[in-house]
Each structure stands twice: as C-alpha cells, then as structure tokens.
C-alpha cells in the first residue's frame, strides 16, 4: 500500500474551477480513508482510480458490486499510473450511472498503455458500487 500526504495532489487529477489540482484531502481521501460512501458514481470512479494508484485493495473490493467482485486484487509491482481522463459522466436514473474514462499506465520495461472503458455503476442502500465495464 502506498501512502499519500493530505496536501499532495490527488492521483485522480481532479481540478477546481480555476484549473488547480485538488489536494488529496479535499478530493478522494474522504472515501479512501474512511467508510463514508462516495456521493455519486463520478466520485466513486475517481476514488477507485486513486485506490489503484495507492494499491488499496480493500477499498476496491468494498466498492465492487458483489455480483461481479473478484476474490482478490493483485497489483503488478512497478506499475506507474500516468493519469486519468474522465470523458463522460452520465447518470441514467437515481440508481444507475455510467462513467467513460481513459486511464494510462506504464508497466516496468514496457510502453505506456491506455485503458478506455465505459463503467457501469449501481447504487444500493445509498452506496454506489462499480458493476462492470465495456472496454474500447
């Protein structure tokens, strides 16, 4: 697990209205550092990206819907996460949403890769969960 100081820029890359990077404490930390639920699928998507960067397997498993959740998550040593671009956040109704994103990473000794996905999220009992995604 990788730690991050609250005043460092959030790994998800979210910016404020003036284009400044949000600090971890004011972005994804409230969900990654507690049991508080993300307020919407967009925030959950960003916090899950940050959880991959910070290697927070318990958070990823906790926010993955039980019907599609893997037994465990293993992180590849030396992976460098290069950034997240959220292309579209689309609420479908009060309980369902989609987030299209591109996440970039570099594996040791390899070229950078892009994961382009439209993720589906569902809300149950006031908590959002990642359901699954379609990769492009």
C-alpha atoms as a PDB file:
ATOM      1  CA  UNK A   1       0.000   0.000   0.000  1.00  0.00           C
ATOM      2  CA  UNK A   2       1.270   3.448  -0.915  1.00  0.00           C
ATOM      3  CA  UNK A   3       0.599   6.400   1.362  1.00  0.00           C
ATOM      4  CA  UNK A   4      -0.114   9.946   0.277  1.00  0.00           C
ATOM      5  CA  UNK A   5       0.031  13.128   2.339  1.00  0.00           C
ATOM      6  CA  UNK A   6      -3.276  15.022   2.556  1.00  0.00           C
ATOM      7  CA  UNK A   7      -1.747  18.143   0.980  1.00  0.00           C
ATOM      8  CA  UNK A   8      -0.417  16.315  -2.100  1.00  0.00           C
ATOM      9  CA  UNK A   9      -2.294  16.471  -5.401  1.00  0.00           C
ATOM     10  CA  UNK A  10      -4.929  13.771  -5.698  1.00  0.00           C
ATOM     11  CA  UNK A  11      -3.921  10.917  -8.030  1.00  0.00           C
ATOM     12  CA  UNK A  12      -7.242  11.161  -9.881  1.00  0.00           C
ATOM     13  CA  UNK A  13      -6.211  14.527 -11.330  1.00  0.00           C
ATOM     14  CA  UNK A  14      -9.416  16.368 -10.494  1.00  0.00           C
ATOM     15  CA  UNK A  15      -9.135  20.151 -10.735  1.00  0.00           C
ATOM     16  CA  UNK A  16     -11.010  23.039  -9.159  1.00  0.00           C
ATOM     17  CA  UNK A  17     -12.864  25.781 -11.060  1.00  0.00           C
ATOM     18  CA  UNK A  18      -9.582  27.682 -11.530  1.00  0.00           C
ATOM     19  CA  UNK A  19      -7.827  24.645 -13.013  1.00  0.00           C
ATOM     20  CA  UNK A  20      -5.702  23.885  -9.939  1.00  0.00           C
ATOM     21  CA  UNK A  21      -5.163  20.275  -8.906  1.00  0.00           C
ATOM     22  CA  UNK A  22      -7.261  19.331  -5.894  1.00  0.00           C
ATOM     23  CA  UNK A  23      -5.409  18.145  -2.833  1.00  0.00           C
ATOM     24  CA  UNK A  24      -5.931  14.543  -1.808  1.00  0.00           C
ATOM     25  CA  UNK A  25      -7.604  15.629   1.450  1.00  0.00           C
ATOM     26  CA  UNK A  26     -10.253  17.550  -0.489  1.00  0.00           C
ATOM     27  CA  UNK A  27     -10.800  15.007  -3.250  1.00  0.00           C
ATOM     28  CA  UNK A  28     -10.616  11.206  -2.868  1.00  0.00           C
ATOM     29  CA  UNK A  29      -9.299  10.926   0.715  1.00  0.00           C
ATOM     30  CA  UNK A  30     -12.722  11.300   2.383  1.00  0.00           C
ATOM     31  CA  UNK A  31     -13.784   7.992   0.800  1.00  0.00           C
ATOM     32  CA  UNK A  32     -10.468   6.142   0.739  1.00  0.00           C
ATOM     33  CA  UNK A  33      -9.586   6.972   4.341  1.00  0.00           C
ATOM     34  CA  UNK A  34     -12.985   6.206   5.909  1.00  0.00           C
ATOM     35  CA  UNK A  35     -16.110   4.153   5.375  1.00  0.00           C
ATOM     36  CA  UNK A  36     -18.048   7.160   4.026  1.00  0.00           C
ATOM     37  CA  UNK A  37     -19.749   6.406   0.694  1.00  0.00           C
ATOM     38  CA  UNK A  38     -18.846   8.384  -2.415  1.00  0.00           C
ATOM     39  CA  UNK A  39     -21.689  10.807  -3.237  1.00  0.00           C
ATOM     40  CA  UNK A  40     -22.076   9.698  -6.860  1.00  0.00           C
ATOM     41  CA  UNK A  41     -20.639   7.340  -9.469  1.00  0.00           C
ATOM     42  CA  UNK A  42     -18.285  10.012 -10.791  1.00  0.00           C
ATOM     43  CA  UNK A  43     -16.630  10.468  -7.382  1.00  0.00           C
ATOM     44  CA  UNK A  44     -16.530   6.687  -6.919  1.00  0.00           C
ATOM     45  CA  UNK A  45     -14.817   6.253 -10.300  1.00  0.00           C
ATOM     46  CA  UNK A  46     -12.159   8.812  -9.388  1.00  0.00           C
ATOM     47  CA  UNK A  47     -11.630   7.332  -5.927  1.00  0.00           C
ATOM     48  CA  UNK A  48     -11.268   3.845  -7.417  1.00  0.00           C
ATOM     49  CA  UNK A  49      -8.581   5.128  -9.796  1.00  0.00           C
ATOM     50  CA  UNK A  50      -6.796   6.662  -6.792  1.00  0.00           C
ATOM     51  CA  UNK A  51      -7.167   3.324  -4.980  1.00  0.00           C
ATOM     52  CA  UNK A  52      -5.407   1.557  -7.874  1.00  0.00           C
ATOM     53  CA  UNK A  53      -2.598   4.138  -7.768  1.00  0.00           C
ATOM     54  CA  UNK A  54      -2.282   3.779  -3.979  1.00  0.00           C
ATOM     55  CA  UNK A  55      -2.758  -0.019  -4.062  1.00  0.00           C
ATOM     56  CA  UNK A  56      -5.769  -0.036  -1.748  1.00  0.00           C
ATOM     57  CA  UNK A  57      -7.205  -3.478  -2.481  1.00  0.00           C
ATOM     58  CA  UNK A  58      -9.695  -3.449   0.447  1.00  0.00           C
ATOM     59  CA  UNK A  59     -11.288  -0.236  -0.853  1.00  0.00           C
ATOM     60  CA  UNK A  60     -11.505  -1.582  -4.400  1.00  0.00           C
ATOM     61  CA  UNK A  61     -13.140  -4.799  -3.217  1.00  0.00           C
ATOM     62  CA  UNK A  62     -15.508  -2.898  -0.887  1.00  0.00           C
ATOM     63  CA  UNK A  63     -16.697  -0.666  -3.755  1.00  0.00           C
ATOM     64  CA  UNK A  64     -17.087  -3.503  -6.277  1.00  0.00           C
ATOM     65  CA  UNK A  65     -20.610  -4.903  -6.589  1.00  0.00           C
ATOM     66  CA  UNK A  66     -20.919  -8.361  -5.011  1.00  0.00           C
ATOM     67  CA  UNK A  67     -22.268  -9.889  -8.244  1.00  0.00           C
ATOM     68  CA  UNK A  68     -19.052  -9.134 -10.174  1.00  0.00           C
ATOM     69  CA  UNK A  69     -16.428  -8.705  -7.431  1.00  0.00           C
ATOM     70  CA  UNK A  70     -13.258 -10.800  -7.766  1.00  0.00           C
ATOM     71  CA  UNK A  71     -11.972 -12.793  -4.802  1.00  0.00           C
ATOM     72  CA  UNK A  72      -8.829 -10.686  -4.580  1.00  0.00           C
ATOM     73  CA  UNK A  73      -6.868  -7.966  -6.326  1.00  0.00           C
ATOM     74  CA  UNK A  74      -3.167  -8.276  -7.014  1.00  0.00           C
ATOM     75  CA  UNK A  75      -1.110  -5.259  -8.005  1.00  0.00           C
ATOM     76  CA  UNK A  76       1.699  -5.604 -10.504  1.00  0.00           C
ATOM     77  CA  UNK A  77       4.970  -4.414  -8.976  1.00  0.00           C
ATOM     78  CA  UNK A  78       6.426  -1.272 -10.512  1.00  0.00           C
ATOM     79  CA  UNK A  79       3.340  -0.122 -12.417  1.00  0.00           C
ATOM     80  CA  UNK A  80       3.331   3.644 -12.851  1.00  0.00           C
ATOM     81  CA  UNK A  81      -0.094   5.226 -13.232  1.00  0.00           C
ATOM     82  CA  UNK A  82       0.188   8.182 -15.599  1.00  0.00           C
ATOM     83  CA  UNK A  83      -3.214   9.814 -15.386  1.00  0.00           C
ATOM     84  CA  UNK A  84      -6.971   9.645 -15.588  1.00  0.00           C
ATOM     85  CA  UNK A  85      -9.241  11.421 -18.039  1.00  0.00           C
ATOM     86  CA  UNK A  86     -12.955  11.215 -17.318  1.00  0.00           C
ATOM     87  CA  UNK A  87     -14.615  11.696 -20.679  1.00  0.00           C
ATOM     88  CA  UNK A  88     -18.244  11.447 -19.655  1.00  0.00           C
ATOM     89  CA  UNK A  89     -20.321  11.040 -16.513  1.00  0.00           C
ATOM     90  CA  UNK A  90     -23.866  10.019 -17.309  1.00  0.00           C
ATOM     91  CA  UNK A  91     -26.490   9.459 -14.603  1.00  0.00           C
ATOM     92  CA  UNK A  92     -29.093   7.085 -16.070  1.00  0.00           C
ATOM     93  CA  UNK A  93     -31.523   7.312 -13.158  1.00  0.00           C
ATOM     94  CA  UNK A  94     -31.309   7.615  -9.371  1.00  0.00           C
ATOM     95  CA  UNK A  95     -29.725   4.155  -9.010  1.00  0.00           C
ATOM     96  CA  UNK A  96     -27.619   3.723 -12.183  1.00  0.00           C
ATOM     97  CA  UNK A  97     -24.851   5.687 -13.877  1.00  0.00           C
ATOM     98  CA  UNK A  98     -22.063   5.317 -16.412  1.00  0.00           C
ATOM     99  CA  UNK A  99     -18.609   6.855 -16.470  1.00  0.00           C
ATOM    100  CA  UNK A 100     -16.432   6.768 -19.561  1.00  0.00           C
ATOM    101  CA  UNK A 101     -12.737   7.210 -18.847  1.00  0.00           C
ATOM    102  CA  UNK A 102      -9.219   6.672 -20.108  1.00  0.00           C
ATOM    103  CA  UNK A 103      -6.583   5.599 -17.586  1.00  0.00           C
ATOM    104  CA  UNK A 104      -2.937   5.457 -18.603  1.00  0.00           C
ATOM    105  CA  UNK A 105      -0.247   3.293 -17.050  1.00  0.00           C
ATOM    106  CA  UNK A 106       3.253   2.048 -17.737  1.00  0.00           C
ATOM    107  CA  UNK A 107       4.390  -1.418 -16.756  1.00  0.00           C
ATOM    108  CA  UNK A 108       8.089  -1.908 -15.981  1.00  0.00           C
ATOM    109  CA  UNK A 109      10.072  -2.309 -19.196  1.00  0.00           C
ATOM    110  CA  UNK A 110       7.016  -1.764 -21.393  1.00  0.00           C
ATOM    111  CA  UNK A 111       5.388   1.041 -23.303  1.00  0.00           C
ATOM    112  CA  UNK A 112       2.593   3.064 -21.782  1.00  0.00           C
ATOM    113  CA  UNK A 113      -0.879   1.531 -22.109  1.00  0.00           C
ATOM    114  CA  UNK A 114      -4.351   3.044 -22.157  1.00  0.00           C
ATOM    115  CA  UNK A 115      -7.463   1.547 -20.623  1.00  0.00           C
ATOM    116  CA  UNK A 116     -10.517   3.114 -22.248  1.00  0.00           C
ATOM    117  CA  UNK A 117     -13.692   1.908 -20.562  1.00  0.00           C
ATOM    118  CA  UNK A 118     -17.326   2.783 -20.044  1.00  0.00           C
ATOM    119  CA  UNK A 119     -18.008   1.643 -16.499  1.00  0.00           C
ATOM    120  CA  UNK A 120     -21.437   0.877 -15.096  1.00  0.00           C
ATOM    121  CA  UNK A 121     -22.320   1.761 -11.518  1.00  0.00           C
ATOM    122  CA  UNK A 122     -25.284   0.882  -9.362  1.00  0.00           C
ATOM    123  CA  UNK A 123     -26.465   2.397  -6.101  1.00  0.00           C
ATOM    124  CA  UNK A 124     -27.824   0.118  -3.396  1.00  0.00           C
ATOM    125  CA  UNK A 125     -28.906   1.275   0.061  1.00  0.00           C
ATOM    126  CA  UNK A 126     -27.349   4.696  -0.530  1.00  0.00           C
ATOM    127  CA  UNK A 127     -23.927   3.382  -1.583  1.00  0.00           C
ATOM    128  CA  UNK A 128     -22.504   3.373  -5.137  1.00  0.00           C
ATOM    129  CA  UNK A 129     -20.727   0.273  -6.488  1.00  0.00           C
ATOM    130  CA  UNK A 130     -18.717  -0.454  -9.612  1.00  0.00           C
ATOM    131  CA  UNK A 131     -20.643  -3.123 -11.522  1.00  0.00           C
ATOM    132  CA  UNK A 132     -18.677  -3.766 -14.715  1.00  0.00           C
ATOM    133  CA  UNK A 133     -17.279  -2.071 -17.769  1.00  0.00           C
ATOM    134  CA  UNK A 134     -17.035  -2.237 -21.530  1.00  0.00           C
ATOM    135  CA  UNK A 135     -13.536  -1.655 -22.868  1.00  0.00           C
ATOM    136  CA  UNK A 136     -12.862   0.097 -26.133  1.00  0.00           C
END
